Amino acid sequence: MKKILLGQKNLLKAAWKVDFGMYLEGDEEGKILLPTRYVPEDLEVGDEIEVFVYLDNEERRVATTLEPKAMVGDFAYLEVAWVNEFGAFLDWGLMKDLFCPFREQKKRMETGRSYIVHVHLDEESYRIMASAKVEKWLENDTSPLSVGDKVSALIWQKTDLGFKAIIENKYGALLYDSQVFKDIHTGDRVDAYITKIRPDGKIDIALQPSGRQHTEDFAEQLLHYLQYRGGRCRLGDKSSAEEIKEQFGVSKKTYKRAIGDLYKRRLITITEDGIELV
């Protein structure tokens, strides 16, 4: 008998139907109710269905077909739905809100504001909870990572150097201001690339791959831009870095390299007013 993973998705078999829903096969702790509102019309006893298992208001295990905004083990950017004398309750897309006790808050959370939190099972109560003290949930072993890896990044918070981020739902990283060529905000999820892994385990990331590959990728993007914009672009190698960043979200260095690449391939000509398709 497989163990049911609380706060995770589970593939369970329908056991029997009742007036208020469908009971699903559970484990030694018992079967799990899928309330009527979530039971698909074509679900029959014996069929398997993927559900998210969590605790209802009476701390009983219950299943849902709703997609939660975060599961146990995830970092997420969630909005506070309400606050009481015990803590804050976050909207994570389910009927029952996610509890973040005061002891897991860096500062008192406020209704209507959103925060980066980590979702976990509380060891004492076995309840699903959130923690805004995300540093203690980050992993330190960076051995699975390599410079140049493409990673998923959750923007965490602004700093004097740039932005803190959480990559691959596990590691802390820093995105320097010099590597930001588009508007980003706390809670954004973006693709990023590892540029450095320091001896102390700290990780630097960028929003664009480094080196030749990035130039080639942007050169193709620029070529498509010209093809769909009448074959001309007013920005040339003498245009300001600010104009280039605003138009394409890349550095002037990358833009000039892409122009050079297209020119060498005899796909464009360089004029006083910018560039044109041949």
C-alpha atoms as a PDB file:
ATOM      1  CA  MET A   1       0.000   0.000   0.000  1.00  0.00           C
ATOM      2  CA  LYS A   2       1.574   3.272  -1.095  1.00  0.00           C
ATOM      3  CA  LYS A   3       1.840   6.209   1.271  1.00  0.00           C
ATOM      4  CA  ILE A   4      -0.351   9.220   0.491  1.00  0.00           C
ATOM      5  CA  LEU A   5       1.735  12.374   0.074  1.00  0.00           C
ATOM      6  CA  LEU A   6       0.074  15.234   1.932  1.00  0.00           C
ATOM      7  CA  GLY A   7       0.390  18.557   0.140  1.00  0.00           C
ATOM      8  CA  GLN A   8       1.251  16.797  -3.119  1.00  0.00           C
ATOM      9  CA  LYS A   9      -0.528  15.350  -6.125  1.00  0.00           C
ATOM     10  CA  ASN A  10      -1.405  11.657  -5.872  1.00  0.00           C
ATOM     11  CA  LEU A  11      -2.772   9.195  -8.411  1.00  0.00           C
ATOM     12  CA  LEU A  12      -5.584   7.419  -6.549  1.00  0.00           C
ATOM     13  CA  LYS A  13      -8.253   4.875  -7.437  1.00  0.00           C
ATOM     14  CA  ALA A  14     -11.961   5.576  -6.898  1.00  0.00           C
ATOM     15  CA  ALA A  15     -13.216   3.191  -4.193  1.00  0.00           C
ATOM     16  CA  TRP A  16     -16.923   3.901  -3.759  1.00  0.00           C
ATOM     17  CA  LYS A  17     -19.456   6.619  -4.431  1.00  0.00           C
ATOM     18  CA  VAL A  18     -21.490   8.425  -1.754  1.00  0.00           C
ATOM     19  CA  ASP A  19     -24.069  11.218  -1.807  1.00  0.00           C
ATOM     20  CA  PHE A  20     -21.456  13.842  -1.025  1.00  0.00           C
ATOM     21  CA  GLY A  21     -18.672  12.679  -3.328  1.00  0.00           C
ATOM     22  CA  MET A  22     -16.351   9.785  -4.064  1.00  0.00           C
ATOM     23  CA  TYR A  23     -14.052   8.018  -1.624  1.00  0.00           C
ATOM     24  CA  LEU A  24     -10.600   7.293  -3.035  1.00  0.00           C
ATOM     25  CA  GLU A  25      -8.275   4.481  -2.014  1.00  0.00           C
ATOM     26  CA  GLY A  26      -5.981   5.715   0.740  1.00  0.00           C
ATOM     27  CA  ASP A  27      -3.350   4.111   2.947  1.00  0.00           C
ATOM     28  CA  GLU A  28      -3.214   2.789   6.513  1.00  0.00           C
ATOM     29  CA  GLU A  29      -4.687   6.106   7.676  1.00  0.00           C
ATOM     30  CA  GLY A  30      -7.873   5.492   5.711  1.00  0.00           C
ATOM     31  CA  LYS A  31      -9.604   6.473   2.492  1.00  0.00           C
ATOM     32  CA  ILE A  32      -9.817  10.038   1.213  1.00  0.00           C
ATOM     33  CA  LEU A  33     -12.928  11.963   0.186  1.00  0.00           C
ATOM     34  CA  LEU A  34     -13.159  13.729  -3.159  1.00  0.00           C
ATOM     35  CA  PRO A  35     -16.148  16.082  -2.628  1.00  0.00           C
ATOM     36  CA  THR A  36     -18.930  16.101  -5.211  1.00  0.00           C
ATOM     37  CA  ARG A  37     -17.939  19.467  -6.681  1.00  0.00           C
ATOM     38  CA  TYR A  38     -14.629  17.949  -7.827  1.00  0.00           C
ATOM     39  CA  VAL A  39     -15.860  14.560  -9.059  1.00  0.00           C
ATOM     40  CA  PRO A  40     -15.746  14.356 -12.891  1.00  0.00           C
ATOM     41  CA  GLU A  41     -19.023  13.152 -14.421  1.00  0.00           C
ATOM     42  CA  ASP A  42     -17.302  10.198 -16.090  1.00  0.00           C
ATOM     43  CA  LEU A  43     -15.400   8.995 -12.991  1.00  0.00           C
ATOM     44  CA  GLU A  44     -16.369   5.407 -12.137  1.00  0.00           C
ATOM     45  CA  VAL A  45     -15.401   3.105  -9.269  1.00  0.00           C
ATOM     46  CA  GLY A  46     -12.053   1.533 -10.166  1.00  0.00           C
ATOM     47  CA  ASP A  47     -10.883   4.495 -12.258  1.00  0.00           C
ATOM     48  CA  GLU A  48      -7.699   6.335 -11.322  1.00  0.00           C
ATOM     49  CA  ILE A  49      -7.625  10.101 -10.919  1.00  0.00           C
ATOM     50  CA  GLU A  50      -4.861  12.583 -10.079  1.00  0.00           C
ATOM     51  CA  VAL A  51      -5.784  14.746  -7.097  1.00  0.00           C
ATOM     52  CA  PHE A  52      -4.143  17.135  -4.660  1.00  0.00           C
ATOM     53  CA  VAL A  53      -4.432  15.960  -1.043  1.00  0.00           C
ATOM     54  CA  TYR A  54      -4.533  18.421   1.850  1.00  0.00           C
ATOM     55  CA  LEU A  55      -6.385  18.947   5.155  1.00  0.00           C
ATOM     56  CA  ASP A  56      -9.868  20.428   5.458  1.00  0.00           C
ATOM     57  CA  ASN A  57     -11.047  22.782   8.212  1.00  0.00           C
ATOM     58  CA  GLU A  58     -11.405  19.837  10.593  1.00  0.00           C
ATOM     59  CA  GLU A  59      -7.859  18.615   9.818  1.00  0.00           C
ATOM     60  CA  ARG A  60      -9.141  15.610   7.831  1.00  0.00           C
ATOM     61  CA  ARG A  61      -7.430  14.578   4.627  1.00  0.00           C
ATOM     62  CA  VAL A  62      -9.416  15.619   1.578  1.00  0.00           C
ATOM     63  CA  ALA A  63      -8.785  15.553  -2.180  1.00  0.00           C
ATOM     64  CA  THR A  64      -9.381  18.154  -4.863  1.00  0.00           C
ATOM     65  CA  THR A  65      -8.900  18.441  -8.599  1.00  0.00           C
ATOM     66  CA  LEU A  66      -8.167  22.164  -8.235  1.00  0.00           C
ATOM     67  CA  GLU A  67      -4.641  23.239  -9.119  1.00  0.00           C
ATOM     68  CA  PRO A  68      -2.913  24.744  -6.059  1.00  0.00           C
ATOM     69  CA  LYS A  69      -0.626  27.717  -6.535  1.00  0.00           C
ATOM     70  CA  ALA A  70       2.038  25.851  -4.555  1.00  0.00           C
ATOM     71  CA  MET A  71       2.634  22.396  -3.114  1.00  0.00           C
ATOM     72  CA  VAL A  72       4.726  21.141  -0.193  1.00  0.00           C
ATOM     73  CA  GLY A  73       8.367  21.837  -0.988  1.00  0.00           C
ATOM     74  CA  ASP A  74       7.596  24.799  -3.256  1.00  0.00           C
ATOM     75  CA  PHE A  75       8.536  28.456  -2.975  1.00  0.00           C
ATOM     76  CA  ALA A  76       5.738  30.757  -4.151  1.00  0.00           C
ATOM     77  CA  TYR A  77       4.506  34.355  -4.168  1.00  0.00           C
ATOM     78  CA  LEU A  78       1.143  34.338  -2.386  1.00  0.00           C
ATOM     79  CA  GLU A  79      -1.336  36.996  -1.286  1.00  0.00           C
ATOM     80  CA  VAL A  80      -2.610  37.295   2.272  1.00  0.00           C
ATOM     81  CA  ALA A  81      -6.372  36.714   2.330  1.00  0.00           C
ATOM     82  CA  TRP A  82      -6.900  37.460   6.026  1.00  0.00           C
ATOM     83  CA  VAL A  83      -5.127  37.708   9.370  1.00  0.00           C
ATOM     84  CA  ASN A  84      -6.134  36.692  12.894  1.00  0.00           C
ATOM     85  CA  GLU A  85      -4.491  36.495  16.326  1.00  0.00           C
ATOM     86  CA  PHE A  86      -2.484  33.403  15.333  1.00  0.00           C
ATOM     87  CA  GLY A  87      -1.053  34.439  11.982  1.00  0.00           C
ATOM     88  CA  ALA A  88      -1.845  35.059   8.318  1.00  0.00           C
ATOM     89  CA  PHE A  89      -3.834  32.981   5.860  1.00  0.00           C
ATOM     90  CA  LEU A  90      -2.642  32.943   2.259  1.00  0.00           C
ATOM     91  CA  ASP A  91      -4.632  32.365  -0.906  1.00  0.00           C
ATOM     92  CA  TRP A  92      -3.106  29.310  -2.581  1.00  0.00           C
ATOM     93  CA  GLY A  93      -6.038  28.539  -4.870  1.00  0.00           C
ATOM     94  CA  LEU A  94      -7.936  26.109  -2.627  1.00  0.00           C
ATOM     95  CA  MET A  95     -11.077  26.295  -0.467  1.00  0.00           C
ATOM     96  CA  LYS A  96      -9.006  26.362   2.734  1.00  0.00           C
ATOM     97  CA  ASP A  97      -6.351  29.087   2.912  1.00  0.00           C
ATOM     98  CA  LEU A  98      -2.700  28.331   3.743  1.00  0.00           C
ATOM     99  CA  PHE A  99      -1.641  29.227   7.294  1.00  0.00           C
ATOM    100  CA  CYS A 100       1.548  31.175   8.025  1.00  0.00           C
ATOM    101  CA  PRO A 101       1.999  31.518  11.816  1.00  0.00           C
ATOM    102  CA  PHE A 102       3.578  34.633  13.277  1.00  0.00           C
ATOM    103  CA  ARG A 103       6.728  32.677  14.188  1.00  0.00           C
ATOM    104  CA  GLU A 104       7.320  32.021  10.472  1.00  0.00           C
ATOM    105  CA  GLN A 105       6.951  35.675   9.446  1.00  0.00           C
ATOM    106  CA  LYS A 106       9.866  38.090   9.094  1.00  0.00           C
ATOM    107  CA  LYS A 107       7.498  40.963   9.804  1.00  0.00           C
ATOM    108  CA  ARG A 108       3.781  41.004  10.406  1.00  0.00           C
ATOM    109  CA  MET A 109       2.001  40.144   7.173  1.00  0.00           C
ATOM    110  CA  GLU A 110      -0.790  42.414   5.997  1.00  0.00           C
ATOM    111  CA  THR A 111      -4.048  41.533   4.256  1.00  0.00           C
ATOM    112  CA  GLY A 112      -3.902  42.194   0.508  1.00  0.00           C
ATOM    113  CA  ARG A 113      -0.110  42.122   0.301  1.00  0.00           C
ATOM    114  CA  SER A 114       1.876  39.279  -1.291  1.00  0.00           C
ATOM    115  CA  TYR A 115       4.996  37.547   0.045  1.00  0.00           C
ATOM    116  CA  ILE A 116       7.525  34.946  -1.045  1.00  0.00           C
ATOM    117  CA  VAL A 117       6.996  31.878   1.153  1.00  0.00           C
ATOM    118  CA  HIS A 118       8.028  28.233   1.381  1.00  0.00           C
ATOM    119  CA  VAL A 119       5.333  25.568   1.801  1.00  0.00           C
ATOM    120  CA  HIS A 120       6.147  22.709   4.178  1.00  0.00           C
ATOM    121  CA  LEU A 121       4.717  20.136   6.570  1.00  0.00           C
ATOM    122  CA  ASP A 122       5.014  21.223  10.178  1.00  0.00           C
ATOM    123  CA  GLU A 123       6.875  18.477  12.062  1.00  0.00           C
ATOM    124  CA  GLU A 124       4.882  18.901  15.264  1.00  0.00           C
ATOM    125  CA  SER A 125       1.312  19.250  13.966  1.00  0.00           C
ATOM    126  CA  TYR A 126       1.702  17.567  10.548  1.00  0.00           C
ATOM    127  CA  ARG A 127      -0.193  20.505   9.076  1.00  0.00           C
ATOM    128  CA  ILE A 128       0.658  22.186   5.784  1.00  0.00           C
ATOM    129  CA  MET A 129       2.091  25.623   6.569  1.00  0.00           C
ATOM    130  CA  ALA A 130       3.916  28.496   4.934  1.00  0.00           C
ATOM    131  CA  SER A 131       7.111  30.214   6.068  1.00  0.00           C
ATOM    132  CA  ALA A 132       8.349  33.627   4.992  1.00  0.00           C
ATOM    133  CA  LYS A 133      11.757  32.819   6.500  1.00  0.00           C
ATOM    134  CA  VAL A 134      12.747  31.303   3.187  1.00  0.00           C
ATOM    135  CA  GLU A 135      16.530  31.311   3.803  1.00  0.00           C
ATOM    136  CA  LYS A 136      16.319  28.321   6.115  1.00  0.00           C
ATOM    137  CA  TRP A 137      14.630  26.250   3.397  1.00  0.00           C
ATOM    138  CA  LEU A 138      17.256  26.861   0.707  1.00  0.00           C
ATOM    139  CA  GLU A 139      19.716  24.091  -0.138  1.00  0.00           C
ATOM    140  CA  ASN A 140      23.474  24.653   0.224  1.00  0.00           C
ATOM    141  CA  ASP A 141      24.817  21.777  -1.875  1.00  0.00           C
ATOM    142  CA  THR A 142      25.280  23.287  -5.338  1.00  0.00           C
ATOM    143  CA  SER A 143      27.109  20.250  -6.771  1.00  0.00           C
ATOM    144  CA  PRO A 144      24.235  19.384  -9.176  1.00  0.00           C
ATOM    145  CA  LEU A 145      24.628  22.832 -10.830  1.00  0.00           C
ATOM    146  CA  SER A 146      27.109  24.036 -13.445  1.00  0.00           C
ATOM    147  CA  VAL A 147      27.996  27.407 -14.935  1.00  0.00           C
ATOM    148  CA  GLY A 148      25.948  27.917 -18.088  1.00  0.00           C
ATOM    149  CA  ASP A 149      22.949  25.891 -16.882  1.00  0.00           C
ATOM    150  CA  LYS A 150      19.550  27.256 -17.828  1.00  0.00           C
ATOM    151  CA  VAL A 151      17.399  27.452 -14.708  1.00  0.00           C
ATOM    152  CA  SER A 152      13.958  28.604 -13.652  1.00  0.00           C
ATOM    153  CA  ALA A 153      14.100  31.591 -11.290  1.00  0.00           C
ATOM    154  CA  LEU A 154      11.571  33.087  -8.884  1.00  0.00           C
ATOM    155  CA  ILE A 155      12.409  36.747  -8.224  1.00  0.00           C
ATOM    156  CA  TRP A 156      12.585  37.113  -4.458  1.00  0.00           C
ATOM    157  CA  GLN A 157      13.493  40.653  -3.413  1.00  0.00           C
ATOM    158  CA  LYS A 158      15.321  43.806  -4.531  1.00  0.00           C
ATOM    159  CA  THR A 159      18.738  44.567  -3.045  1.00  0.00           C
ATOM    160  CA  ASP A 160      21.370  47.265  -3.536  1.00  0.00           C
ATOM    161  CA  LEU A 161      23.190  44.961  -5.974  1.00  0.00           C
ATOM    162  CA  GLY A 162      20.205  43.713  -7.934  1.00  0.00           C
ATOM    163  CA  PHE A 163      17.649  41.008  -7.147  1.00  0.00           C
ATOM    164  CA  LYS A 164      17.749  37.955  -4.935  1.00  0.00           C
ATOM    165  CA  ALA A 165      16.166  34.950  -6.657  1.00  0.00           C
ATOM    166  CA  ILE A 166      15.311  31.338  -5.927  1.00  0.00           C
ATOM    167  CA  ILE A 167      16.383  29.005  -8.726  1.00  0.00           C
ATOM    168  CA  GLU A 168      15.151  25.500  -9.480  1.00  0.00           C
ATOM    169  CA  ASN A 169      12.886  25.781  -6.419  1.00  0.00           C
ATOM    170  CA  LYS A 170      15.942  25.020  -4.251  1.00  0.00           C
ATOM    171  CA  TYR A 171      18.841  27.484  -4.315  1.00  0.00           C
ATOM    172  CA  GLY A 172      19.392  31.141  -3.566  1.00  0.00           C
ATOM    173  CA  ALA A 173      20.987  33.250  -6.309  1.00  0.00           C
ATOM    174  CA  LEU A 174      21.808  36.853  -7.134  1.00  0.00           C
ATOM    175  CA  LEU A 175      20.869  38.665 -10.322  1.00  0.00           C
ATOM    176  CA  TYR A 176      22.968  41.829 -10.672  1.00  0.00           C
ATOM    177  CA  ASP A 177      21.378  45.046 -11.942  1.00  0.00           C
ATOM    178  CA  SER A 178      23.859  45.040 -14.831  1.00  0.00           C
ATOM    179  CA  GLN A 179      22.290  41.804 -16.067  1.00  0.00           C
ATOM    180  CA  VAL A 180      18.704  43.107 -16.051  1.00  0.00           C
ATOM    181  CA  PHE A 181      17.444  44.355 -19.413  1.00  0.00           C
ATOM    182  CA  LYS A 182      13.695  44.244 -18.778  1.00  0.00           C
ATOM    183  CA  ASP A 183      11.288  45.141 -15.980  1.00  0.00           C
ATOM    184  CA  ILE A 184      11.106  42.458 -13.325  1.00  0.00           C
ATOM    185  CA  HIS A 185       9.407  42.404  -9.945  1.00  0.00           C
ATOM    186  CA  THR A 186       9.139  40.234  -6.854  1.00  0.00           C
ATOM    187  CA  GLY A 187       7.105  37.143  -7.687  1.00  0.00           C
ATOM    188  CA  ASP A 188       8.049  37.031 -11.380  1.00  0.00           C
ATOM    189  CA  ARG A 189       9.150  33.670 -12.734  1.00  0.00           C
ATOM    190  CA  VAL A 190      11.806  33.926 -15.433  1.00  0.00           C
ATOM    191  CA  ASP A 191      14.347  31.789 -17.240  1.00  0.00           C
ATOM    192  CA  ALA A 192      17.921  32.502 -16.167  1.00  0.00           C
ATOM    193  CA  TYR A 193      21.458  31.230 -16.701  1.00  0.00           C
ATOM    194  CA  ILE A 194      24.106  30.462 -14.102  1.00  0.00           C
ATOM    195  CA  THR A 195      27.140  32.694 -14.631  1.00  0.00           C
ATOM    196  CA  LYS A 196      29.168  31.879 -11.522  1.00  0.00           C
ATOM    197  CA  ILE A 197      29.182  29.436  -8.599  1.00  0.00           C
ATOM    198  CA  ARG A 198      31.388  30.801  -5.849  1.00  0.00           C
ATOM    199  CA  PRO A 199      33.474  28.683  -3.432  1.00  0.00           C
ATOM    200  CA  ASP A 200      31.076  29.593  -0.609  1.00  0.00           C
ATOM    201  CA  GLY A 201      28.169  28.202  -2.654  1.00  0.00           C
ATOM    202  CA  LYS A 202      26.704  31.561  -3.651  1.00  0.00           C
ATOM    203  CA  ILE A 203      25.324  31.641  -7.191  1.00  0.00           C
ATOM    204  CA  ASP A 204      25.234  34.464  -9.735  1.00  0.00           C
ATOM    205  CA  ILE A 205      22.714  34.374 -12.578  1.00  0.00           C
ATOM    206  CA  ALA A 206      21.847  36.369 -15.690  1.00  0.00           C
ATOM    207  CA  LEU A 207      18.664  36.606 -17.737  1.00  0.00           C
ATOM    208  CA  GLN A 208      20.544  35.856 -20.959  1.00  0.00           C
ATOM    209  CA  PRO A 209      23.028  33.135 -21.896  1.00  0.00           C
ATOM    210  CA  SER A 210      26.595  34.341 -22.166  1.00  0.00           C
ATOM    211  CA  GLY A 211      28.917  34.171 -25.137  1.00  0.00           C
ATOM    212  CA  ARG A 212      28.391  33.174 -28.731  1.00  0.00           C
ATOM    213  CA  GLN A 213      25.134  31.294 -28.226  1.00  0.00           C
ATOM    214  CA  HIS A 214      23.348  34.379 -26.937  1.00  0.00           C
ATOM    215  CA  THR A 215      24.592  36.436 -29.896  1.00  0.00           C
ATOM    216  CA  GLU A 216      23.348  33.817 -32.344  1.00  0.00           C
ATOM    217  CA  ASP A 217      19.978  33.570 -30.597  1.00  0.00           C
ATOM    218  CA  PHE A 218      19.455  37.329 -30.616  1.00  0.00           C
ATOM    219  CA  ALA A 219      20.690  37.626 -34.223  1.00  0.00           C
ATOM    220  CA  GLU A 220      17.834  35.322 -35.268  1.00  0.00           C
ATOM    221  CA  GLN A 221      15.401  37.373 -33.170  1.00  0.00           C
ATOM    222  CA  LEU A 222      16.612  40.564 -34.855  1.00  0.00           C
ATOM    223  CA  LEU A 223      16.305  38.974 -38.287  1.00  0.00           C
ATOM    224  CA  HIS A 224      12.686  38.032 -37.590  1.00  0.00           C
ATOM    225  CA  TYR A 225      12.030  41.573 -36.338  1.00  0.00           C
ATOM    226  CA  LEU A 226      13.290  43.001 -39.639  1.00  0.00           C
ATOM    227  CA  GLN A 227      11.280  40.526 -41.681  1.00  0.00           C
ATOM    228  CA  TYR A 228       8.037  41.526 -39.974  1.00  0.00           C
ATOM    229  CA  ARG A 229       8.757  45.278 -39.723  1.00  0.00           C
ATOM    230  CA  GLY A 230       9.281  46.211 -43.354  1.00  0.00           C
ATOM    231  CA  GLY A 231      12.933  45.227 -43.471  1.00  0.00           C
ATOM    232  CA  ARG A 232      14.248  48.246 -41.529  1.00  0.00           C
ATOM    233  CA  CYS A 233      15.299  49.126 -37.982  1.00  0.00           C
ATOM    234  CA  ARG A 234      16.262  52.648 -36.956  1.00  0.00           C
ATOM    235  CA  LEU A 235      18.739  51.386 -34.339  1.00  0.00           C
ATOM    236  CA  GLY A 236      22.332  50.954 -35.477  1.00  0.00           C
ATOM    237  CA  ASP A 237      25.675  50.315 -33.807  1.00  0.00           C
ATOM    238  CA  LYS A 238      25.867  53.988 -32.810  1.00  0.00           C
ATOM    239  CA  SER A 239      22.486  54.044 -31.069  1.00  0.00           C
ATOM    240  CA  SER A 240      22.430  54.517 -27.305  1.00  0.00           C
ATOM    241  CA  ALA A 241      22.418  51.582 -24.916  1.00  0.00           C
ATOM    242  CA  GLU A 242      19.182  52.923 -23.408  1.00  0.00           C
ATOM    243  CA  GLU A 243      17.354  52.881 -26.762  1.00  0.00           C
ATOM    244  CA  ILE A 244      18.545  49.347 -27.504  1.00  0.00           C
ATOM    245  CA  LYS A 245      17.574  48.097 -24.051  1.00  0.00           C
ATOM    246  CA  GLU A 246      14.112  49.667 -24.321  1.00  0.00           C
ATOM    247  CA  GLN A 247      13.471  48.211 -27.783  1.00  0.00           C
ATOM    248  CA  PHE A 248      14.992  44.730 -27.499  1.00  0.00           C
ATOM    249  CA  GLY A 249      15.879  44.137 -23.852  1.00  0.00           C
ATOM    250  CA  VAL A 250      19.546  43.361 -24.579  1.00  0.00           C
ATOM    251  CA  SER A 251      22.851  45.145 -24.013  1.00  0.00           C
ATOM    252  CA  LYS A 252      24.446  47.340 -26.681  1.00  0.00           C
ATOM    253  CA  LYS A 253      27.334  44.860 -26.857  1.00  0.00           C
ATOM    254  CA  THR A 254      24.965  42.009 -27.722  1.00  0.00           C
ATOM    255  CA  TYR A 255      23.137  44.182 -30.257  1.00  0.00           C
ATOM    256  CA  LYS A 256      26.347  45.178 -32.042  1.00  0.00           C
ATOM    257  CA  ARG A 257      27.513  41.561 -32.154  1.00  0.00           C
ATOM    258  CA  ALA A 258      24.179  40.498 -33.666  1.00  0.00           C
ATOM    259  CA  ILE A 259      24.424  43.225 -36.324  1.00  0.00           C
ATOM    260  CA  GLY A 260      27.940  42.046 -37.145  1.00  0.00           C
ATOM    261  CA  ASP A 261      26.752  38.451 -37.390  1.00  0.00           C
ATOM    262  CA  LEU A 262      23.920  39.327 -39.812  1.00  0.00           C
ATOM    263  CA  TYR A 263      26.202  41.601 -41.833  1.00  0.00           C
ATOM    264  CA  LYS A 264      28.822  38.863 -42.248  1.00  0.00           C
ATOM    265  CA  ARG A 265      26.072  36.537 -43.459  1.00  0.00           C
ATOM    266  CA  ARG A 266      25.121  39.240 -45.998  1.00  0.00           C
ATOM    267  CA  LEU A 267      21.581  39.412 -44.673  1.00  0.00           C
ATOM    268  CA  ILE A 268      21.609  43.133 -43.828  1.00  0.00           C
ATOM    269  CA  THR A 269      23.237  46.395 -44.797  1.00  0.00           C
ATOM    270  CA  ILE A 270      24.270  49.062 -42.321  1.00  0.00           C
ATOM    271  CA  THR A 271      23.097  52.596 -43.104  1.00  0.00           C
ATOM    272  CA  GLU A 272      23.352  55.966 -41.410  1.00  0.00           C
ATOM    273  CA  ASP A 273      19.756  55.541 -40.221  1.00  0.00           C
ATOM    274  CA  GLY A 274      20.090  52.016 -38.855  1.00  0.00           C
ATOM    275  CA  ILE A 275      20.042  48.614 -40.563  1.00  0.00           C
ATOM    276  CA  GLU A 276      18.108  47.151 -43.507  1.00  0.00           C
ATOM    277  CA  LEU A 277      17.486  43.725 -44.951  1.00  0.00           C
ATOM    278  CA  VAL A 278      19.386  42.986 -48.158  1.00  0.00           C
END
